Amino acid sequence: MPSSNVDKITSISESAKTFLTNAARKLDLSTRSYFKVIKVSRTIADLEGSTSIEIPHIAESLQYRQISIG
């Protein structure tokens, strides 16, 4: 899914959107990483049968990120 369609296709609660925005600032996420987190969060929400992305979905998605050291 292209990132331009993410906002149109996914339903994110306001609290989850705020949580993700704050996390993106603190973790210095690129735009590409930001949208990858949303896509993985959507998958997690789908697996749980949730119609919208909530904070736990964002938090779990952030835990799957790879961090390069060095």
Protein backbone atom coordinates (compact mmCIF):
# COMPACT_ATOMS: atom_id res chain seq x y z
CA MET A 1 0.00 0.00 0.00
CA PRO A 2 1.49 3.36 -0.98
CA SER A 3 1.96 5.79 1.90
CA SER A 4 -0.29 8.31 0.17
CA ASN A 5 -3.21 5.91 0.71
CA VAL A 6 -2.50 5.07 4.34
CA ASP A 7 -4.63 7.87 5.81
CA LYS A 8 -7.50 7.08 3.42
CA ILE A 9 -7.49 3.33 4.02
CA THR A 10 -6.59 2.97 7.70
CA SER A 11 -8.66 4.02 10.66
CA ILE A 12 -6.50 5.28 13.53
CA SER A 13 -7.98 6.48 16.81
CA GLU A 14 -7.05 10.02 17.83
CA SER A 15 -5.25 8.77 20.93
CA ALA A 16 -3.21 6.31 18.83
CA LYS A 17 -2.35 9.05 16.34
CA THR A 18 -1.14 11.29 19.17
CA PHE A 19 0.84 8.41 20.67
CA LEU A 20 2.49 7.68 17.31
CA THR A 21 3.31 11.34 16.69
CA ASN A 22 4.98 11.63 20.10
CA ALA A 23 6.87 8.35 19.60
CA ALA A 24 8.00 9.45 16.14
CA ARG A 25 9.46 12.64 17.60
CA LYS A 26 11.20 10.87 20.49
CA LEU A 27 12.57 8.07 18.31
CA ASP A 28 13.42 10.42 15.43
CA LEU A 29 11.49 8.29 12.92
CA SER A 30 11.76 9.10 9.25
CA THR A 31 8.57 9.55 7.24
CA ARG A 32 9.15 6.14 5.71
CA SER A 33 9.47 4.53 9.16
CA TYR A 34 6.37 6.37 10.38
CA PHE A 35 4.27 4.85 7.61
CA LYS A 36 5.82 1.40 8.10
CA VAL A 37 4.74 1.53 11.75
CA ILE A 38 1.19 2.36 10.65
CA LYS A 39 1.15 -0.52 8.15
CA VAL A 40 2.42 -3.05 10.71
CA SER A 41 -0.04 -1.66 13.26
CA ARG A 42 -2.88 -2.20 10.77
CA THR A 43 -1.82 -5.83 10.37
CA ILE A 44 -1.70 -6.30 14.15
CA ALA A 45 -5.15 -4.72 14.50
CA ASP A 46 -6.50 -6.98 11.73
CA LEU A 47 -5.14 -10.08 13.48
CA GLU A 48 -6.95 -9.00 16.65
CA GLY A 49 -10.16 -8.28 14.75
CA SER A 50 -10.06 -4.56 15.54
CA THR A 51 -11.64 -2.10 13.12
CA SER A 52 -9.28 0.71 14.07
CA ILE A 53 -5.65 1.03 15.10
CA GLU A 54 -5.30 1.67 18.83
CA ILE A 55 -2.34 2.51 21.10
CA PRO A 56 -1.45 -1.15 21.89
CA HIS A 57 -1.18 -1.87 18.15
CA ILE A 58 1.18 1.09 17.66
CA ALA A 59 3.22 0.11 20.73
CA GLU A 60 3.62 -3.48 19.53
CA SER A 61 4.58 -2.31 16.06
CA LEU A 62 7.26 -0.01 17.49
CA GLN A 63 8.74 -2.97 19.37
CA TYR A 64 9.34 -4.80 16.08
CA ARG A 65 11.52 -2.03 14.65
CA GLN A 66 15.14 -2.90 13.97
CA ILE A 67 17.66 -0.57 15.52
CA SER A 68 21.02 -0.24 13.84
CA ILE A 69 23.93 0.19 16.22
CA GLY A 70 27.23 1.61 15.11
